[in-house]
């Protein structure tokens, strides 16, 4: 009986602390990457402008991330290059990149290129995820 009570208290406490996490990853955009150097600009609207981190998740194919640029409301730019090789394959995600300013982000510019053979492999599909911080 004592073990059941302890287990119930543990479950209540752990669910309380999990509910306290106000940060959540949201999908900002879904893109298809061609077999050449490409760039996409994602305009952020509403609550999505309050991102603190961004990461890319590869859903199909392979791609190489060249750089990610945050464009803030004040038109300041912040450029990041990926850590490691920057190559993503199906099912992998990039290391999250943190924004340096506390200002809201107006746009995210992503430079990348798809890998593979046009006849044998499918085009890369990527999701752009942002970590939204709720205050």
C-alpha atoms as a PDB file:
ATOM      1  CA  UNK A   1       0.000   0.000   0.000  1.00  0.00           C
ATOM      2  CA  UNK A   2       2.822   2.355   0.906  1.00  0.00           C
ATOM      3  CA  UNK A   3       4.504   1.690  -2.469  1.00  0.00           C
ATOM      4  CA  UNK A   4       1.290   2.516  -4.327  1.00  0.00           C
ATOM      5  CA  UNK A   5       0.977   5.837  -2.506  1.00  0.00           C
ATOM      6  CA  UNK A   6       4.611   6.707  -3.228  1.00  0.00           C
ATOM      7  CA  UNK A   7       4.160   5.793  -6.887  1.00  0.00           C
ATOM      8  CA  UNK A   8       1.017   7.952  -7.135  1.00  0.00           C
ATOM      9  CA  UNK A   9       2.819  10.932  -5.546  1.00  0.00           C
ATOM     10  CA  UNK A  10       5.760  10.490  -7.919  1.00  0.00           C
ATOM     11  CA  UNK A  11       3.456  10.442 -10.957  1.00  0.00           C
ATOM     12  CA  UNK A  12       1.615  13.578  -9.803  1.00  0.00           C
ATOM     13  CA  UNK A  13       4.889  15.464  -9.242  1.00  0.00           C
ATOM     14  CA  UNK A  14       6.410  14.398 -12.550  1.00  0.00           C
ATOM     15  CA  UNK A  15       3.295  15.387 -14.524  1.00  0.00           C
ATOM     16  CA  UNK A  16       3.273  18.768 -12.749  1.00  0.00           C
ATOM     17  CA  UNK A  17       6.879  19.497 -13.739  1.00  0.00           C
ATOM     18  CA  UNK A  18       6.270  18.344 -17.309  1.00  0.00           C
ATOM     19  CA  UNK A  19       3.304  20.723 -17.549  1.00  0.00           C
ATOM     20  CA  UNK A  20       5.507  23.617 -16.371  1.00  0.00           C
ATOM     21  CA  UNK A  21       7.573  23.468 -19.594  1.00  0.00           C
ATOM     22  CA  UNK A  22       6.268  26.444 -21.590  1.00  0.00           C
ATOM     23  CA  UNK A  23       8.555  25.927 -24.586  1.00  0.00           C
ATOM     24  CA  UNK A  24       7.378  24.036 -27.628  1.00  0.00           C
ATOM     25  CA  UNK A  25       8.732  23.246 -31.088  1.00  0.00           C
ATOM     26  CA  UNK A  26       6.387  24.247 -33.913  1.00  0.00           C
ATOM     27  CA  UNK A  27       6.637  23.631 -37.642  1.00  0.00           C
ATOM     28  CA  UNK A  28       7.324  26.986 -39.302  1.00  0.00           C
ATOM     29  CA  UNK A  29       7.524  25.671 -42.875  1.00  0.00           C
ATOM     30  CA  UNK A  30       7.789  22.555 -45.035  1.00  0.00           C
ATOM     31  CA  UNK A  31      10.030  22.737 -48.089  1.00  0.00           C
ATOM     32  CA  UNK A  32      11.091  20.569 -51.033  1.00  0.00           C
ATOM     33  CA  UNK A  33      14.787  20.946 -51.855  1.00  0.00           C
ATOM     34  CA  UNK A  34      15.943  20.727 -55.465  1.00  0.00           C
ATOM     35  CA  UNK A  35      19.220  19.155 -56.641  1.00  0.00           C
ATOM     36  CA  UNK A  36      21.011  22.497 -56.854  1.00  0.00           C
ATOM     37  CA  UNK A  37      22.009  25.273 -54.496  1.00  0.00           C
ATOM     38  CA  UNK A  38      18.819  26.846 -53.205  1.00  0.00           C
ATOM     39  CA  UNK A  39      17.648  29.413 -50.683  1.00  0.00           C
ATOM     40  CA  UNK A  40      14.306  29.880 -49.000  1.00  0.00           C
ATOM     41  CA  UNK A  41      13.052  32.848 -47.034  1.00  0.00           C
ATOM     42  CA  UNK A  42      10.442  32.113 -44.382  1.00  0.00           C
ATOM     43  CA  UNK A  43       8.373  35.080 -43.229  1.00  0.00           C
ATOM     44  CA  UNK A  44       7.293  34.652 -39.617  1.00  0.00           C
ATOM     45  CA  UNK A  45       3.916  35.905 -38.436  1.00  0.00           C
ATOM     46  CA  UNK A  46       2.221  36.284 -35.062  1.00  0.00           C
ATOM     47  CA  UNK A  47       3.493  34.130 -32.201  1.00  0.00           C
ATOM     48  CA  UNK A  48       6.028  32.433 -34.487  1.00  0.00           C
ATOM     49  CA  UNK A  49       8.130  35.622 -34.362  1.00  0.00           C
ATOM     50  CA  UNK A  50       9.075  34.823 -30.755  1.00  0.00           C
ATOM     51  CA  UNK A  51      11.419  31.974 -31.691  1.00  0.00           C
ATOM     52  CA  UNK A  52      14.569  31.434 -29.646  1.00  0.00           C
ATOM     53  CA  UNK A  53      15.994  28.446 -31.551  1.00  0.00           C
ATOM     54  CA  UNK A  54      15.560  26.906 -34.970  1.00  0.00           C
ATOM     55  CA  UNK A  55      16.363  23.481 -36.395  1.00  0.00           C
ATOM     56  CA  UNK A  56      15.799  21.613 -39.640  1.00  0.00           C
ATOM     57  CA  UNK A  57      14.418  18.080 -39.810  1.00  0.00           C
ATOM     58  CA  UNK A  58      14.895  15.996 -42.961  1.00  0.00           C
ATOM     59  CA  UNK A  59      11.800  13.939 -43.847  1.00  0.00           C
ATOM     60  CA  UNK A  60      13.046  12.452 -47.152  1.00  0.00           C
ATOM     61  CA  UNK A  61      16.265  12.390 -49.175  1.00  0.00           C
ATOM     62  CA  UNK A  62      19.511  14.153 -48.196  1.00  0.00           C
ATOM     63  CA  UNK A  63      20.570  17.783 -48.029  1.00  0.00           C
ATOM     64  CA  UNK A  64      23.477  19.964 -46.975  1.00  0.00           C
ATOM     65  CA  UNK A  65      22.810  23.102 -44.930  1.00  0.00           C
ATOM     66  CA  UNK A  66      25.135  25.928 -45.919  1.00  0.00           C
ATOM     67  CA  UNK A  67      23.946  28.747 -43.658  1.00  0.00           C
ATOM     68  CA  UNK A  68      20.954  30.100 -41.767  1.00  0.00           C
ATOM     69  CA  UNK A  69      20.342  33.840 -41.411  1.00  0.00           C
ATOM     70  CA  UNK A  70      17.983  35.393 -38.855  1.00  0.00           C
ATOM     71  CA  UNK A  71      16.539  38.759 -39.923  1.00  0.00           C
ATOM     72  CA  UNK A  72      15.184  40.704 -36.953  1.00  0.00           C
ATOM     73  CA  UNK A  73      12.432  43.328 -36.744  1.00  0.00           C
ATOM     74  CA  UNK A  74      15.089  46.055 -36.723  1.00  0.00           C
ATOM     75  CA  UNK A  75      16.481  44.621 -40.020  1.00  0.00           C
ATOM     76  CA  UNK A  76      19.655  43.429 -38.242  1.00  0.00           C
ATOM     77  CA  UNK A  77      20.979  40.149 -39.625  1.00  0.00           C
ATOM     78  CA  UNK A  78      22.654  37.284 -37.803  1.00  0.00           C
ATOM     79  CA  UNK A  79      24.338  34.537 -39.844  1.00  0.00           C
ATOM     80  CA  UNK A  80      25.025  30.998 -38.613  1.00  0.00           C
ATOM     81  CA  UNK A  81      26.817  28.100 -40.250  1.00  0.00           C
ATOM     82  CA  UNK A  82      25.885  24.580 -39.146  1.00  0.00           C
ATOM     83  CA  UNK A  83      28.049  22.658 -36.729  1.00  0.00           C
ATOM     84  CA  UNK A  84      29.654  19.541 -38.157  1.00  0.00           C
ATOM     85  CA  UNK A  85      29.190  18.709 -41.810  1.00  0.00           C
ATOM     86  CA  UNK A  86      25.694  20.166 -42.083  1.00  0.00           C
ATOM     87  CA  UNK A  87      24.490  17.093 -43.969  1.00  0.00           C
ATOM     88  CA  UNK A  88      21.058  15.728 -43.055  1.00  0.00           C
ATOM     89  CA  UNK A  89      19.527  12.451 -44.204  1.00  0.00           C
ATOM     90  CA  UNK A  90      16.020  11.069 -43.770  1.00  0.00           C
ATOM     91  CA  UNK A  91      14.962  11.057 -40.126  1.00  0.00           C
ATOM     92  CA  UNK A  92      17.750  13.321 -38.815  1.00  0.00           C
ATOM     93  CA  UNK A  93      17.641  16.858 -37.437  1.00  0.00           C
ATOM     94  CA  UNK A  94      20.181  19.629 -37.285  1.00  0.00           C
ATOM     95  CA  UNK A  95      21.571  20.897 -34.005  1.00  0.00           C
ATOM     96  CA  UNK A  96      19.301  23.734 -32.797  1.00  0.00           C
ATOM     97  CA  UNK A  97      20.655  27.205 -33.573  1.00  0.00           C
ATOM     98  CA  UNK A  98      19.965  29.851 -30.953  1.00  0.00           C
ATOM     99  CA  UNK A  99      19.049  33.442 -31.754  1.00  0.00           C
ATOM    100  CA  UNK A 100      21.435  35.874 -30.096  1.00  0.00           C
ATOM    101  CA  UNK A 101      19.069  38.823 -29.670  1.00  0.00           C
ATOM    102  CA  UNK A 102      15.987  39.098 -27.506  1.00  0.00           C
ATOM    103  CA  UNK A 103      14.260  40.861 -30.400  1.00  0.00           C
ATOM    104  CA  UNK A 104      11.554  39.168 -32.484  1.00  0.00           C
ATOM    105  CA  UNK A 105      12.595  37.476 -35.719  1.00  0.00           C
ATOM    106  CA  UNK A 106      10.907  38.763 -38.891  1.00  0.00           C
ATOM    107  CA  UNK A 107      12.388  36.291 -41.411  1.00  0.00           C
ATOM    108  CA  UNK A 108      14.593  33.220 -41.549  1.00  0.00           C
ATOM    109  CA  UNK A 109      16.732  32.716 -44.651  1.00  0.00           C
ATOM    110  CA  UNK A 110      18.049  29.195 -45.231  1.00  0.00           C
ATOM    111  CA  UNK A 111      20.725  28.284 -47.797  1.00  0.00           C
ATOM    112  CA  UNK A 112      21.039  24.586 -48.673  1.00  0.00           C
ATOM    113  CA  UNK A 113      21.344  22.089 -51.483  1.00  0.00           C
ATOM    114  CA  UNK A 114      19.896  18.650 -52.096  1.00  0.00           C
ATOM    115  CA  UNK A 115      22.106  15.598 -52.544  1.00  0.00           C
ATOM    116  CA  UNK A 116      21.512  12.596 -54.704  1.00  0.00           C
ATOM    117  CA  UNK A 117      20.899  11.525 -58.249  1.00  0.00           C
ATOM    118  CA  UNK A 118      17.787  12.932 -59.909  1.00  0.00           C
ATOM    119  CA  UNK A 119      16.948   9.576 -61.495  1.00  0.00           C
ATOM    120  CA  UNK A 120      17.565   7.332 -58.488  1.00  0.00           C
ATOM    121  CA  UNK A 121      16.696   9.286 -55.363  1.00  0.00           C
ATOM    122  CA  UNK A 122      13.785  11.446 -54.348  1.00  0.00           C
ATOM    123  CA  UNK A 123      14.047  15.162 -53.713  1.00  0.00           C
ATOM    124  CA  UNK A 124      14.777  16.113 -50.140  1.00  0.00           C
ATOM    125  CA  UNK A 125      11.853  17.255 -48.002  1.00  0.00           C
ATOM    126  CA  UNK A 126      12.645  19.331 -44.967  1.00  0.00           C
ATOM    127  CA  UNK A 127      10.679  20.818 -42.065  1.00  0.00           C
ATOM    128  CA  UNK A 128      11.799  24.039 -40.433  1.00  0.00           C
ATOM    129  CA  UNK A 129      11.063  23.958 -36.704  1.00  0.00           C
ATOM    130  CA  UNK A 130      11.150  26.875 -34.282  1.00  0.00           C
ATOM    131  CA  UNK A 131      11.306  26.780 -30.493  1.00  0.00           C
ATOM    132  CA  UNK A 132       8.666  29.209 -29.321  1.00  0.00           C
ATOM    133  CA  UNK A 133       9.212  30.661 -25.877  1.00  0.00           C
ATOM    134  CA  UNK A 134       6.017  31.615 -24.079  1.00  0.00           C
ATOM    135  CA  UNK A 135       6.380  34.311 -21.458  1.00  0.00           C
END
